[in-house]
């Protein structure tokens, strides 16, 4: 009898734990026209965002929301709009909420030449692939992982990291990378023919396969070099974390 009671209590506790972890899902999918040069704005509170540049004329957006109950979806409504001269995508929590249980997964397939004018995410992960014109990301908490970017690039993480692979410096462009607490890693497939590299970490190590002139006797570690014409500029700032520049 005691054994039965113990098993019943264990089963009830397990069911309660599973119930506490349960969540419901909601999905919104849209395909929007995207004329060349039209800016795209993305705002989200708690979200994992993936953007892939492709050979296509339009933009496909898929938003999956996860919440403890269906009623919670009202607290962070999705918005996918092509209004006027811009495309705006948002999954923001009401009243400036920061509830980690209200999460979104945003997946976007867009033209490689799309202009992502401003991407603002409070917490989550941002993954970018094959975007060739302009990307501006500000992520307060979490990692930014980018592959095959070119053009005008700004990636900033508060507490997190920035990883850029297959980096490319293109004429007329720029690449600015900043982290307040965490590492910055950049990997080029080959040493750029042209560019100017400026890298500084206030509290961390700075290593580079591309020879830099270092100024680190006192205070921050600072390295710089000019390649060819010196255009465009790669600027890396890290308040507390290591900077690594690799080739190959």
C-alpha atoms as a PDB file:
ATOM      1  CA  UNK A   1       0.000   0.000   0.000  1.00  0.00           C
ATOM      2  CA  UNK A   2       2.800   2.344   0.892  1.00  0.00           C
ATOM      3  CA  UNK A   3       4.595   1.426  -2.337  1.00  0.00           C
ATOM      4  CA  UNK A   4       1.450   2.192  -4.348  1.00  0.00           C
ATOM      5  CA  UNK A   5       1.082   5.558  -2.603  1.00  0.00           C
ATOM      6  CA  UNK A   6       4.704   6.441  -3.313  1.00  0.00           C
ATOM      7  CA  UNK A   7       4.333   5.528  -6.987  1.00  0.00           C
ATOM      8  CA  UNK A   8       1.138   7.547  -7.240  1.00  0.00           C
ATOM      9  CA  UNK A   9       2.823  10.551  -5.657  1.00  0.00           C
ATOM     10  CA  UNK A  10       5.771  10.225  -8.061  1.00  0.00           C
ATOM     11  CA  UNK A  11       3.442   9.995 -11.062  1.00  0.00           C
ATOM     12  CA  UNK A  12       1.527  13.064  -9.922  1.00  0.00           C
ATOM     13  CA  UNK A  13       4.757  15.037  -9.411  1.00  0.00           C
ATOM     14  CA  UNK A  14       6.016  13.995 -12.851  1.00  0.00           C
ATOM     15  CA  UNK A  15       2.742  15.020 -14.492  1.00  0.00           C
ATOM     16  CA  UNK A  16       2.895  18.379 -12.719  1.00  0.00           C
ATOM     17  CA  UNK A  17       6.468  18.967 -13.872  1.00  0.00           C
ATOM     18  CA  UNK A  18       5.615  18.081 -17.473  1.00  0.00           C
ATOM     19  CA  UNK A  19       2.592  20.366 -17.312  1.00  0.00           C
ATOM     20  CA  UNK A  20       4.748  23.208 -15.986  1.00  0.00           C
ATOM     21  CA  UNK A  21       7.123  22.819 -18.929  1.00  0.00           C
ATOM     22  CA  UNK A  22       4.401  22.483 -21.545  1.00  0.00           C
ATOM     23  CA  UNK A  23       4.048  25.170 -24.160  1.00  0.00           C
ATOM     24  CA  UNK A  24       1.822  25.971 -27.096  1.00  0.00           C
ATOM     25  CA  UNK A  25       2.870  27.087 -30.569  1.00  0.00           C
ATOM     26  CA  UNK A  26       1.534  29.563 -33.086  1.00  0.00           C
ATOM     27  CA  UNK A  27       2.803  30.126 -36.633  1.00  0.00           C
ATOM     28  CA  UNK A  28       2.449  33.024 -39.048  1.00  0.00           C
ATOM     29  CA  UNK A  29       3.909  32.792 -42.567  1.00  0.00           C
ATOM     30  CA  UNK A  30       3.871  35.464 -45.252  1.00  0.00           C
ATOM     31  CA  UNK A  31       5.570  36.180 -48.550  1.00  0.00           C
ATOM     32  CA  UNK A  32       6.039  39.866 -49.340  1.00  0.00           C
ATOM     33  CA  UNK A  33       7.195  41.742 -52.430  1.00  0.00           C
ATOM     34  CA  UNK A  34      10.517  43.482 -51.860  1.00  0.00           C
ATOM     35  CA  UNK A  35      11.668  46.064 -54.380  1.00  0.00           C
ATOM     36  CA  UNK A  36      15.423  46.756 -54.606  1.00  0.00           C
ATOM     37  CA  UNK A  37      16.599  49.225 -51.968  1.00  0.00           C
ATOM     38  CA  UNK A  38      13.465  49.059 -49.787  1.00  0.00           C
ATOM     39  CA  UNK A  39      14.640  48.971 -46.142  1.00  0.00           C
ATOM     40  CA  UNK A  40      13.666  46.157 -43.778  1.00  0.00           C
ATOM     41  CA  UNK A  41      13.190  46.748 -40.041  1.00  0.00           C
ATOM     42  CA  UNK A  42      12.976  43.940 -37.469  1.00  0.00           C
ATOM     43  CA  UNK A  43      12.136  44.332 -33.774  1.00  0.00           C
ATOM     44  CA  UNK A  44      11.798  41.461 -31.299  1.00  0.00           C
ATOM     45  CA  UNK A  45      12.033  40.950 -27.558  1.00  0.00           C
ATOM     46  CA  UNK A  46      12.952  37.266 -27.011  1.00  0.00           C
ATOM     47  CA  UNK A  47      13.709  35.655 -30.354  1.00  0.00           C
ATOM     48  CA  UNK A  48      16.005  33.438 -32.397  1.00  0.00           C
ATOM     49  CA  UNK A  49      16.351  35.128 -35.779  1.00  0.00           C
ATOM     50  CA  UNK A  50      17.686  33.498 -38.942  1.00  0.00           C
ATOM     51  CA  UNK A  51      18.090  35.435 -42.198  1.00  0.00           C
ATOM     52  CA  UNK A  52      19.350  33.827 -45.410  1.00  0.00           C
ATOM     53  CA  UNK A  53      20.086  35.748 -48.578  1.00  0.00           C
ATOM     54  CA  UNK A  54      19.022  33.947 -51.739  1.00  0.00           C
ATOM     55  CA  UNK A  55      18.426  34.435 -55.466  1.00  0.00           C
ATOM     56  CA  UNK A  56      14.798  35.510 -55.202  1.00  0.00           C
ATOM     57  CA  UNK A  57      12.793  38.730 -55.831  1.00  0.00           C
ATOM     58  CA  UNK A  58      10.571  38.581 -52.736  1.00  0.00           C
ATOM     59  CA  UNK A  59      10.823  37.879 -49.007  1.00  0.00           C
ATOM     60  CA  UNK A  60       9.440  34.860 -47.162  1.00  0.00           C
ATOM     61  CA  UNK A  61       8.838  35.353 -43.435  1.00  0.00           C
ATOM     62  CA  UNK A  62       7.984  32.591 -40.969  1.00  0.00           C
ATOM     63  CA  UNK A  63       7.267  33.449 -37.322  1.00  0.00           C
ATOM     64  CA  UNK A  64       6.765  30.719 -34.713  1.00  0.00           C
ATOM     65  CA  UNK A  65       5.742  31.844 -31.235  1.00  0.00           C
ATOM     66  CA  UNK A  66       6.043  29.703 -28.120  1.00  0.00           C
ATOM     67  CA  UNK A  67       4.217  30.451 -24.870  1.00  0.00           C
ATOM     68  CA  UNK A  68       2.934  28.609 -21.775  1.00  0.00           C
ATOM     69  CA  UNK A  69      -0.729  29.100 -22.808  1.00  0.00           C
ATOM     70  CA  UNK A  70      -2.665  30.323 -25.833  1.00  0.00           C
ATOM     71  CA  UNK A  71      -3.803  33.354 -23.848  1.00  0.00           C
ATOM     72  CA  UNK A  72      -0.163  34.459 -23.570  1.00  0.00           C
ATOM     73  CA  UNK A  73       0.045  35.060 -27.340  1.00  0.00           C
ATOM     74  CA  UNK A  74      -1.790  38.349 -26.800  1.00  0.00           C
ATOM     75  CA  UNK A  75       1.277  39.578 -24.896  1.00  0.00           C
ATOM     76  CA  UNK A  76       3.588  39.483 -27.943  1.00  0.00           C
ATOM     77  CA  UNK A  77       1.625  39.763 -31.194  1.00  0.00           C
ATOM     78  CA  UNK A  78       3.451  39.203 -34.495  1.00  0.00           C
ATOM     79  CA  UNK A  79       3.550  41.896 -37.158  1.00  0.00           C
ATOM     80  CA  UNK A  80       4.661  41.419 -40.769  1.00  0.00           C
ATOM     81  CA  UNK A  81       3.862  44.455 -42.888  1.00  0.00           C
ATOM     82  CA  UNK A  82       4.914  45.974 -46.176  1.00  0.00           C
ATOM     83  CA  UNK A  83       3.721  49.515 -45.574  1.00  0.00           C
ATOM     84  CA  UNK A  84       4.724  52.531 -47.597  1.00  0.00           C
ATOM     85  CA  UNK A  85       8.414  52.543 -48.371  1.00  0.00           C
ATOM     86  CA  UNK A  86       9.542  49.908 -45.838  1.00  0.00           C
ATOM     87  CA  UNK A  87       8.989  46.353 -44.614  1.00  0.00           C
ATOM     88  CA  UNK A  88       8.508  46.004 -40.849  1.00  0.00           C
ATOM     89  CA  UNK A  89       8.606  42.741 -38.915  1.00  0.00           C
ATOM     90  CA  UNK A  90       8.006  42.678 -35.189  1.00  0.00           C
ATOM     91  CA  UNK A  91       7.397  40.345 -32.244  1.00  0.00           C
ATOM     92  CA  UNK A  92       7.565  42.705 -29.278  1.00  0.00           C
ATOM     93  CA  UNK A  93       6.233  42.025 -25.806  1.00  0.00           C
ATOM     94  CA  UNK A  94       3.611  44.452 -24.582  1.00  0.00           C
ATOM     95  CA  UNK A  95       4.481  47.105 -21.996  1.00  0.00           C
ATOM     96  CA  UNK A  96       8.193  46.575 -22.617  1.00  0.00           C
ATOM     97  CA  UNK A  97       7.985  43.075 -21.108  1.00  0.00           C
ATOM     98  CA  UNK A  98      11.022  40.784 -20.939  1.00  0.00           C
ATOM     99  CA  UNK A  99       9.373  37.428 -20.147  1.00  0.00           C
ATOM    100  CA  UNK A 100      11.735  34.633 -21.265  1.00  0.00           C
ATOM    101  CA  UNK A 101       8.789  32.211 -21.519  1.00  0.00           C
ATOM    102  CA  UNK A 102       7.374  34.226 -24.443  1.00  0.00           C
ATOM    103  CA  UNK A 103       9.705  33.264 -27.268  1.00  0.00           C
ATOM    104  CA  UNK A 104       9.710  33.614 -31.042  1.00  0.00           C
ATOM    105  CA  UNK A 105      11.594  31.961 -33.872  1.00  0.00           C
ATOM    106  CA  UNK A 106      11.805  34.208 -36.931  1.00  0.00           C
ATOM    107  CA  UNK A 107      13.076  32.739 -40.192  1.00  0.00           C
ATOM    108  CA  UNK A 108      13.502  34.949 -43.254  1.00  0.00           C
ATOM    109  CA  UNK A 109      14.568  34.183 -46.799  1.00  0.00           C
ATOM    110  CA  UNK A 110      15.243  37.381 -48.740  1.00  0.00           C
ATOM    111  CA  UNK A 111      17.164  38.638 -51.759  1.00  0.00           C
ATOM    112  CA  UNK A 112      20.891  38.624 -51.059  1.00  0.00           C
ATOM    113  CA  UNK A 113      20.923  42.352 -51.930  1.00  0.00           C
ATOM    114  CA  UNK A 114      18.179  43.231 -49.410  1.00  0.00           C
ATOM    115  CA  UNK A 115      18.811  46.205 -47.122  1.00  0.00           C
ATOM    116  CA  UNK A 116      18.302  45.250 -43.468  1.00  0.00           C
ATOM    117  CA  UNK A 117      18.262  48.792 -42.169  1.00  0.00           C
ATOM    118  CA  UNK A 118      17.808  47.956 -38.483  1.00  0.00           C
ATOM    119  CA  UNK A 119      17.509  44.659 -36.595  1.00  0.00           C
ATOM    120  CA  UNK A 120      16.879  45.057 -32.878  1.00  0.00           C
ATOM    121  CA  UNK A 121      16.563  42.013 -30.585  1.00  0.00           C
ATOM    122  CA  UNK A 122      16.687  42.110 -26.798  1.00  0.00           C
ATOM    123  CA  UNK A 123      17.619  38.464 -26.181  1.00  0.00           C
ATOM    124  CA  UNK A 124      18.175  35.402 -28.340  1.00  0.00           C
ATOM    125  CA  UNK A 125      20.347  34.326 -31.244  1.00  0.00           C
ATOM    126  CA  UNK A 126      20.887  36.013 -34.604  1.00  0.00           C
ATOM    127  CA  UNK A 127      22.179  34.043 -37.583  1.00  0.00           C
ATOM    128  CA  UNK A 128      22.921  35.761 -40.911  1.00  0.00           C
ATOM    129  CA  UNK A 129      23.974  34.143 -44.174  1.00  0.00           C
ATOM    130  CA  UNK A 130      24.818  35.532 -47.633  1.00  0.00           C
ATOM    131  CA  UNK A 131      23.653  39.135 -47.235  1.00  0.00           C
ATOM    132  CA  UNK A 132      25.545  41.348 -49.652  1.00  0.00           C
ATOM    133  CA  UNK A 133      24.384  44.965 -49.271  1.00  0.00           C
ATOM    134  CA  UNK A 134      23.573  46.206 -45.770  1.00  0.00           C
ATOM    135  CA  UNK A 135      22.888  44.722 -42.319  1.00  0.00           C
ATOM    136  CA  UNK A 136      22.619  46.564 -39.000  1.00  0.00           C
ATOM    137  CA  UNK A 137      22.118  44.346 -35.912  1.00  0.00           C
ATOM    138  CA  UNK A 138      21.873  45.299 -32.245  1.00  0.00           C
ATOM    139  CA  UNK A 139      21.425  42.264 -29.944  1.00  0.00           C
ATOM    140  CA  UNK A 140      21.485  42.969 -26.220  1.00  0.00           C
ATOM    141  CA  UNK A 141      21.939  39.378 -24.984  1.00  0.00           C
ATOM    142  CA  UNK A 142      23.121  36.469 -27.083  1.00  0.00           C
ATOM    143  CA  UNK A 143      25.390  35.486 -29.980  1.00  0.00           C
ATOM    144  CA  UNK A 144      25.517  36.814 -33.524  1.00  0.00           C
ATOM    145  CA  UNK A 145      26.725  34.290 -36.120  1.00  0.00           C
ATOM    146  CA  UNK A 146      27.332  35.637 -39.630  1.00  0.00           C
ATOM    147  CA  UNK A 147      28.592  33.914 -42.778  1.00  0.00           C
ATOM    148  CA  UNK A 148      29.319  35.415 -46.190  1.00  0.00           C
ATOM    149  CA  UNK A 149      28.444  39.055 -45.481  1.00  0.00           C
ATOM    150  CA  UNK A 150      29.495  41.996 -47.639  1.00  0.00           C
ATOM    151  CA  UNK A 151      28.628  45.679 -48.027  1.00  0.00           C
ATOM    152  CA  UNK A 152      27.812  47.924 -45.075  1.00  0.00           C
ATOM    153  CA  UNK A 153      27.796  45.738 -41.972  1.00  0.00           C
ATOM    154  CA  UNK A 154      27.278  46.684 -38.317  1.00  0.00           C
ATOM    155  CA  UNK A 155      26.956  43.892 -35.745  1.00  0.00           C
ATOM    156  CA  UNK A 156      26.738  44.754 -32.049  1.00  0.00           C
ATOM    157  CA  UNK A 157      26.130  42.468 -29.062  1.00  0.00           C
ATOM    158  CA  UNK A 158      25.849  43.509 -25.439  1.00  0.00           C
ATOM    159  CA  UNK A 159      26.448  40.317 -23.448  1.00  0.00           C
ATOM    160  CA  UNK A 160      27.235  37.699 -26.076  1.00  0.00           C
ATOM    161  CA  UNK A 161      29.568  37.241 -29.017  1.00  0.00           C
ATOM    162  CA  UNK A 162      30.088  38.105 -32.679  1.00  0.00           C
ATOM    163  CA  UNK A 163      31.385  35.457 -35.100  1.00  0.00           C
ATOM    164  CA  UNK A 164      31.953  36.420 -38.736  1.00  0.00           C
ATOM    165  CA  UNK A 165      33.019  33.721 -41.190  1.00  0.00           C
ATOM    166  CA  UNK A 166      33.932  34.089 -44.882  1.00  0.00           C
ATOM    167  CA  UNK A 167      34.224  37.818 -44.198  1.00  0.00           C
ATOM    168  CA  UNK A 168      34.533  40.085 -47.203  1.00  0.00           C
ATOM    169  CA  UNK A 169      35.570  43.728 -47.359  1.00  0.00           C
ATOM    170  CA  UNK A 170      34.003  45.358 -50.421  1.00  0.00           C
ATOM    171  CA  UNK A 171      34.739  48.740 -51.968  1.00  0.00           C
ATOM    172  CA  UNK A 172      32.422  51.428 -50.636  1.00  0.00           C
ATOM    173  CA  UNK A 173      31.349  49.245 -47.744  1.00  0.00           C
ATOM    174  CA  UNK A 174      32.381  48.947 -44.107  1.00  0.00           C
ATOM    175  CA  UNK A 175      32.303  46.391 -41.321  1.00  0.00           C
ATOM    176  CA  UNK A 176      31.877  47.471 -37.708  1.00  0.00           C
ATOM    177  CA  UNK A 177      31.808  44.821 -34.995  1.00  0.00           C
ATOM    178  CA  UNK A 178      31.288  45.564 -31.302  1.00  0.00           C
ATOM    179  CA  UNK A 179      30.768  43.494 -28.145  1.00  0.00           C
ATOM    180  CA  UNK A 180      30.565  44.798 -24.590  1.00  0.00           C
ATOM    181  CA  UNK A 181      31.102  41.452 -22.831  1.00  0.00           C
ATOM    182  CA  UNK A 182      32.229  38.486 -24.909  1.00  0.00           C
ATOM    183  CA  UNK A 183      34.520  37.562 -27.805  1.00  0.00           C
ATOM    184  CA  UNK A 184      34.720  38.814 -31.391  1.00  0.00           C
ATOM    185  CA  UNK A 185      35.973  36.347 -34.008  1.00  0.00           C
ATOM    186  CA  UNK A 186      36.534  37.164 -37.695  1.00  0.00           C
ATOM    187  CA  UNK A 187      37.701  34.726 -40.352  1.00  0.00           C
ATOM    188  CA  UNK A 188      38.644  35.759 -43.898  1.00  0.00           C
ATOM    189  CA  UNK A 189      38.958  33.144 -46.666  1.00  0.00           C
ATOM    190  CA  UNK A 190      42.095  35.034 -47.743  1.00  0.00           C
ATOM    191  CA  UNK A 191      43.878  38.234 -46.757  1.00  0.00           C
ATOM    192  CA  UNK A 192      41.919  41.204 -48.196  1.00  0.00           C
ATOM    193  CA  UNK A 193      43.664  43.048 -51.013  1.00  0.00           C
ATOM    194  CA  UNK A 194      42.345  46.385 -49.756  1.00  0.00           C
ATOM    195  CA  UNK A 195      41.149  47.609 -46.401  1.00  0.00           C
ATOM    196  CA  UNK A 196      42.024  49.222 -43.110  1.00  0.00           C
ATOM    197  CA  UNK A 197      41.749  47.183 -39.920  1.00  0.00           C
ATOM    198  CA  UNK A 198      41.314  48.857 -36.545  1.00  0.00           C
ATOM    199  CA  UNK A 199      40.867  46.588 -33.516  1.00  0.00           C
ATOM    200  CA  UNK A 200      40.797  47.427 -29.819  1.00  0.00           C
ATOM    201  CA  UNK A 201      39.958  45.444 -26.693  1.00  0.00           C
ATOM    202  CA  UNK A 202      39.879  47.160 -23.332  1.00  0.00           C
ATOM    203  CA  UNK A 203      40.108  43.936 -21.330  1.00  0.00           C
ATOM    204  CA  UNK A 204      41.137  40.915 -23.371  1.00  0.00           C
ATOM    205  CA  UNK A 205      43.617  39.448 -25.838  1.00  0.00           C
ATOM    206  CA  UNK A 206      44.047  40.517 -29.469  1.00  0.00           C
ATOM    207  CA  UNK A 207      45.423  38.023 -31.998  1.00  0.00           C
ATOM    208  CA  UNK A 208      45.572  38.273 -35.794  1.00  0.00           C
ATOM    209  CA  UNK A 209      46.848  36.226 -38.727  1.00  0.00           C
ATOM    210  CA  UNK A 210      47.069  39.519 -40.605  1.00  0.00           C
ATOM    211  CA  UNK A 211      50.098  41.426 -39.289  1.00  0.00           C
ATOM    212  CA  UNK A 212      49.010  44.405 -37.197  1.00  0.00           C
ATOM    213  CA  UNK A 213      50.902  47.263 -35.642  1.00  0.00           C
ATOM    214  CA  UNK A 214      50.221  46.937 -31.916  1.00  0.00           C
ATOM    215  CA  UNK A 215      49.993  49.670 -29.324  1.00  0.00           C
ATOM    216  CA  UNK A 216      49.496  47.954 -26.006  1.00  0.00           C
ATOM    217  CA  UNK A 217      52.075  49.166 -23.531  1.00  0.00           C
ATOM    218  CA  UNK A 218      49.451  50.788 -21.361  1.00  0.00           C
ATOM    219  CA  UNK A 219      45.688  50.352 -21.120  1.00  0.00           C
ATOM    220  CA  UNK A 220      43.743  48.787 -24.012  1.00  0.00           C
ATOM    221  CA  UNK A 221      45.261  46.509 -26.642  1.00  0.00           C
ATOM    222  CA  UNK A 222      45.080  48.240 -30.002  1.00  0.00           C
ATOM    223  CA  UNK A 223      46.125  46.931 -33.409  1.00  0.00           C
ATOM    224  CA  UNK A 224      45.896  48.443 -36.870  1.00  0.00           C
ATOM    225  CA  UNK A 225      47.047  47.954 -40.434  1.00  0.00           C
ATOM    226  CA  UNK A 226      46.376  49.296 -43.926  1.00  0.00           C
ATOM    227  CA  UNK A 227      46.048  46.946 -46.888  1.00  0.00           C
ATOM    228  CA  UNK A 228      46.257  48.296 -50.436  1.00  0.00           C
ATOM    229  CA  UNK A 229      44.054  51.353 -50.836  1.00  0.00           C
ATOM    230  CA  UNK A 230      42.892  51.277 -47.220  1.00  0.00           C
ATOM    231  CA  UNK A 231      39.212  51.106 -48.195  1.00  0.00           C
ATOM    232  CA  UNK A 232      36.923  49.831 -46.728  1.00  0.00           C
ATOM    233  CA  UNK A 233      37.366  49.875 -42.946  1.00  0.00           C
ATOM    234  CA  UNK A 234      36.983  46.937 -40.557  1.00  0.00           C
ATOM    235  CA  UNK A 235      36.486  48.321 -37.059  1.00  0.00           C
ATOM    236  CA  UNK A 236      36.369  45.969 -34.051  1.00  0.00           C
ATOM    237  CA  UNK A 237      35.670  47.163 -30.507  1.00  0.00           C
ATOM    238  CA  UNK A 238      35.474  44.897 -27.472  1.00  0.00           C
ATOM    239  CA  UNK A 239      35.065  46.203 -23.957  1.00  0.00           C
ATOM    240  CA  UNK A 240      35.589  42.883 -22.141  1.00  0.00           C
ATOM    241  CA  UNK A 241      36.600  39.976 -24.330  1.00  0.00           C
ATOM    242  CA  UNK A 242      39.122  38.586 -26.802  1.00  0.00           C
ATOM    243  CA  UNK A 243      39.452  39.563 -30.462  1.00  0.00           C
ATOM    244  CA  UNK A 244      40.612  36.995 -33.008  1.00  0.00           C
ATOM    245  CA  UNK A 245      41.269  37.635 -36.722  1.00  0.00           C
ATOM    246  CA  UNK A 246      41.958  34.521 -38.799  1.00  0.00           C
ATOM    247  CA  UNK A 247      42.744  33.841 -42.453  1.00  0.00           C
ATOM    248  CA  UNK A 248      42.031  30.620 -44.345  1.00  0.00           C
END
